């Protein structure tokens, strides 16, 4: 098994990562997601593409900025961590019950759900009567 490569959150590693980053390869960072049941660490992935005049970018994120903002950066997915773009069913587990009929908004933000339903009943969004 190959050793996981890690770039720490410092200027030296940011420059090293900018030299070593490859287009089309997935890189991982650990971010903290705020959930109604508490904060939890989540693995988020970034893939860099070659952009004209800019070099390698992941959306609007340069390789150096990724390391300095969200470091450490890993070249393999951290084990045992839920991914940011993982299946939606993982979001419903803390609430229990049938996940096909209940949503996170129903439990955590009932006023928001009711306001949205009232706006849909009135017609187009923002219409006044």
C-alpha atoms as a PDB file:
ATOM      1  CA  UNK A   1       0.000   0.000   0.000  1.00  0.00           C
ATOM      2  CA  UNK A   2       1.340   3.429  -0.952  1.00  0.00           C
ATOM      3  CA  UNK A   3       2.040   6.031   1.689  1.00  0.00           C
ATOM      4  CA  UNK A   4      -0.498   8.861   1.905  1.00  0.00           C
ATOM      5  CA  UNK A   5       1.005  12.182   0.897  1.00  0.00           C
ATOM      6  CA  UNK A   6       0.118  15.157   3.133  1.00  0.00           C
ATOM      7  CA  UNK A   7       0.690  18.878   2.602  1.00  0.00           C
ATOM      8  CA  UNK A   8       0.455  20.819   5.872  1.00  0.00           C
ATOM      9  CA  UNK A   9      -1.073  24.290   6.266  1.00  0.00           C
ATOM     10  CA  UNK A  10       2.066  26.391   5.818  1.00  0.00           C
ATOM     11  CA  UNK A  11       3.657  28.474   3.065  1.00  0.00           C
ATOM     12  CA  UNK A  12       6.411  25.958   2.248  1.00  0.00           C
ATOM     13  CA  UNK A  13       3.979  23.075   1.745  1.00  0.00           C
ATOM     14  CA  UNK A  14       1.613  25.335  -0.214  1.00  0.00           C
ATOM     15  CA  UNK A  15       4.358  26.067  -2.735  1.00  0.00           C
ATOM     16  CA  UNK A  16       5.374  22.400  -2.832  1.00  0.00           C
ATOM     17  CA  UNK A  17       1.750  21.382  -3.447  1.00  0.00           C
ATOM     18  CA  UNK A  18       1.444  23.930  -6.275  1.00  0.00           C
ATOM     19  CA  UNK A  19       4.463  22.297  -7.964  1.00  0.00           C
ATOM     20  CA  UNK A  20       3.262  18.704  -7.403  1.00  0.00           C
ATOM     21  CA  UNK A  21      -0.486  19.045  -8.104  1.00  0.00           C
ATOM     22  CA  UNK A  22      -1.766  17.146 -11.149  1.00  0.00           C
ATOM     23  CA  UNK A  23      -4.815  17.862 -13.307  1.00  0.00           C
ATOM     24  CA  UNK A  24      -7.695  15.407 -12.902  1.00  0.00           C
ATOM     25  CA  UNK A  25      -6.450  13.937  -9.599  1.00  0.00           C
ATOM     26  CA  UNK A  26      -8.709  14.157  -6.538  1.00  0.00           C
ATOM     27  CA  UNK A  27      -7.248  15.775  -3.413  1.00  0.00           C
ATOM     28  CA  UNK A  28      -8.963  15.729  -0.011  1.00  0.00           C
ATOM     29  CA  UNK A  29      -9.287  18.141   2.917  1.00  0.00           C
ATOM     30  CA  UNK A  30     -11.135  17.795   6.213  1.00  0.00           C
ATOM     31  CA  UNK A  31     -13.704  20.504   6.874  1.00  0.00           C
ATOM     32  CA  UNK A  32     -16.120  21.028   9.727  1.00  0.00           C
ATOM     33  CA  UNK A  33     -19.801  20.858   8.792  1.00  0.00           C
ATOM     34  CA  UNK A  34     -22.324  22.573  11.057  1.00  0.00           C
ATOM     35  CA  UNK A  35     -25.296  20.269  11.626  1.00  0.00           C
ATOM     36  CA  UNK A  36     -28.357  20.660  13.872  1.00  0.00           C
ATOM     37  CA  UNK A  37     -27.090  17.761  15.999  1.00  0.00           C
ATOM     38  CA  UNK A  38     -23.566  19.239  16.307  1.00  0.00           C
ATOM     39  CA  UNK A  39     -20.499  19.943  14.236  1.00  0.00           C
ATOM     40  CA  UNK A  40     -18.887  17.015  12.478  1.00  0.00           C
ATOM     41  CA  UNK A  41     -15.743  16.613  10.387  1.00  0.00           C
ATOM     42  CA  UNK A  42     -16.416  15.872   6.716  1.00  0.00           C
ATOM     43  CA  UNK A  43     -13.985  15.001   3.920  1.00  0.00           C
ATOM     44  CA  UNK A  44     -14.295  17.324   0.927  1.00  0.00           C
ATOM     45  CA  UNK A  45     -12.708  16.628  -2.448  1.00  0.00           C
ATOM     46  CA  UNK A  46     -11.080  19.005  -4.930  1.00  0.00           C
ATOM     47  CA  UNK A  47     -10.101  18.226  -8.523  1.00  0.00           C
ATOM     48  CA  UNK A  48      -7.882  20.672 -10.380  1.00  0.00           C
ATOM     49  CA  UNK A  49      -8.306  21.489 -14.073  1.00  0.00           C
ATOM     50  CA  UNK A  50      -6.062  23.399 -16.451  1.00  0.00           C
ATOM     51  CA  UNK A  51      -7.503  26.898 -17.090  1.00  0.00           C
ATOM     52  CA  UNK A  52      -6.297  29.266 -19.779  1.00  0.00           C
ATOM     53  CA  UNK A  53      -4.095  32.045 -18.354  1.00  0.00           C
ATOM     54  CA  UNK A  54      -4.605  30.833 -14.764  1.00  0.00           C
ATOM     55  CA  UNK A  55      -2.977  27.410 -14.689  1.00  0.00           C
ATOM     56  CA  UNK A  56      -4.435  24.668 -12.509  1.00  0.00           C
ATOM     57  CA  UNK A  57      -7.626  25.671 -10.674  1.00  0.00           C
ATOM     58  CA  UNK A  58     -10.422  23.912  -8.807  1.00  0.00           C
ATOM     59  CA  UNK A  59     -13.342  26.258  -9.406  1.00  0.00           C
ATOM     60  CA  UNK A  60     -11.903  29.546  -8.164  1.00  0.00           C
ATOM     61  CA  UNK A  61      -9.410  27.855  -5.816  1.00  0.00           C
ATOM     62  CA  UNK A  62      -5.712  27.770  -6.658  1.00  0.00           C
ATOM     63  CA  UNK A  63      -3.544  24.954  -5.258  1.00  0.00           C
ATOM     64  CA  UNK A  64      -1.684  27.298  -2.882  1.00  0.00           C
ATOM     65  CA  UNK A  65      -4.905  28.834  -1.609  1.00  0.00           C
ATOM     66  CA  UNK A  66      -6.382  25.369  -0.939  1.00  0.00           C
ATOM     67  CA  UNK A  67      -3.468  24.407   1.305  1.00  0.00           C
ATOM     68  CA  UNK A  68      -3.318  27.743   3.118  1.00  0.00           C
ATOM     69  CA  UNK A  69      -7.072  27.944   3.667  1.00  0.00           C
ATOM     70  CA  UNK A  70      -8.162  24.332   4.278  1.00  0.00           C
ATOM     71  CA  UNK A  71      -4.890  22.436   4.901  1.00  0.00           C
ATOM     72  CA  UNK A  72      -3.716  19.833   5.525  1.00  0.00           C
ATOM     73  CA  UNK A  73      -4.407  18.383   2.065  1.00  0.00           C
ATOM     74  CA  UNK A  74      -4.325  14.603   1.457  1.00  0.00           C
ATOM     75  CA  UNK A  75      -3.884  12.685  -1.796  1.00  0.00           C
ATOM     76  CA  UNK A  76      -6.200   9.863  -0.598  1.00  0.00           C
ATOM     77  CA  UNK A  77      -9.605  10.008   1.070  1.00  0.00           C
ATOM     78  CA  UNK A  78      -9.354   9.996   4.886  1.00  0.00           C
ATOM     79  CA  UNK A  79     -10.622   6.684   6.247  1.00  0.00           C
ATOM     80  CA  UNK A  80     -13.892   6.503   8.135  1.00  0.00           C
ATOM     81  CA  UNK A  81     -15.040  10.011   7.220  1.00  0.00           C
ATOM     82  CA  UNK A  82     -18.269  10.931   5.523  1.00  0.00           C
ATOM     83  CA  UNK A  83     -17.799  12.833   2.281  1.00  0.00           C
ATOM     84  CA  UNK A  84     -19.367  16.195   1.538  1.00  0.00           C
ATOM     85  CA  UNK A  85     -21.034  14.827  -1.593  1.00  0.00           C
ATOM     86  CA  UNK A  86     -22.001  11.534   0.033  1.00  0.00           C
ATOM     87  CA  UNK A  87     -25.426   9.985  -0.076  1.00  0.00           C
ATOM     88  CA  UNK A  88     -28.243  12.071   1.350  1.00  0.00           C
ATOM     89  CA  UNK A  89     -29.521   9.283   3.591  1.00  0.00           C
ATOM     90  CA  UNK A  90     -26.627   9.910   5.981  1.00  0.00           C
ATOM     91  CA  UNK A  91     -28.083  13.312   6.846  1.00  0.00           C
ATOM     92  CA  UNK A  92     -31.295  11.774   8.185  1.00  0.00           C
ATOM     93  CA  UNK A  93     -29.866   9.158  10.538  1.00  0.00           C
ATOM     94  CA  UNK A  94     -29.652  11.360  13.662  1.00  0.00           C
ATOM     95  CA  UNK A  95     -33.381  12.125  13.406  1.00  0.00           C
ATOM     96  CA  UNK A  96     -34.432   8.512  12.891  1.00  0.00           C
ATOM     97  CA  UNK A  97     -37.732   7.496  11.366  1.00  0.00           C
ATOM     98  CA  UNK A  98     -38.629   7.038   7.734  1.00  0.00           C
ATOM     99  CA  UNK A  99     -36.190   9.019   5.605  1.00  0.00           C
ATOM    100  CA  UNK A 100     -38.365   8.884   2.490  1.00  0.00           C
ATOM    101  CA  UNK A 101     -41.060  11.154   3.933  1.00  0.00           C
ATOM    102  CA  UNK A 102     -39.084  13.347   6.355  1.00  0.00           C
ATOM    103  CA  UNK A 103     -36.392  15.820   5.475  1.00  0.00           C
ATOM    104  CA  UNK A 104     -33.824  17.764   7.442  1.00  0.00           C
ATOM    105  CA  UNK A 105     -35.839  20.950   6.931  1.00  0.00           C
ATOM    106  CA  UNK A 106     -38.991  19.370   8.386  1.00  0.00           C
ATOM    107  CA  UNK A 107     -37.203  18.675  11.683  1.00  0.00           C
ATOM    108  CA  UNK A 108     -34.751  21.542  11.974  1.00  0.00           C
ATOM    109  CA  UNK A 109     -36.537  24.469  10.338  1.00  0.00           C
ATOM    110  CA  UNK A 110     -40.328  24.053  10.533  1.00  0.00           C
ATOM    111  CA  UNK A 111     -41.035  27.780  10.158  1.00  0.00           C
ATOM    112  CA  UNK A 112     -39.010  27.947   6.966  1.00  0.00           C
ATOM    113  CA  UNK A 113     -40.901  24.978   5.533  1.00  0.00           C
ATOM    114  CA  UNK A 114     -44.292  26.481   6.437  1.00  0.00           C
ATOM    115  CA  UNK A 115     -43.360  29.877   4.944  1.00  0.00           C
ATOM    116  CA  UNK A 116     -42.258  28.212   1.698  1.00  0.00           C
ATOM    117  CA  UNK A 117     -45.542  26.264   1.522  1.00  0.00           C
ATOM    118  CA  UNK A 118     -47.567  29.485   2.033  1.00  0.00           C
ATOM    119  CA  UNK A 119     -45.607  31.228  -0.727  1.00  0.00           C
ATOM    120  CA  UNK A 120     -46.281  28.350  -3.131  1.00  0.00           C
ATOM    121  CA  UNK A 121     -50.006  28.518  -2.339  1.00  0.00           C
ATOM    122  CA  UNK A 122     -50.097  32.233  -3.195  1.00  0.00           C
ATOM    123  CA  UNK A 123     -48.673  31.617  -6.652  1.00  0.00           C
ATOM    124  CA  UNK A 124     -45.361  32.784  -7.934  1.00  0.00           C
ATOM    125  CA  UNK A 125     -42.612  33.598  -5.413  1.00  0.00           C
ATOM    126  CA  UNK A 126     -42.887  37.117  -4.044  1.00  0.00           C
ATOM    127  CA  UNK A 127     -46.387  37.778  -5.392  1.00  0.00           C
ATOM    128  CA  UNK A 128     -48.559  39.904  -3.116  1.00  0.00           C
ATOM    129  CA  UNK A 129     -52.312  39.732  -2.768  1.00  0.00           C
END
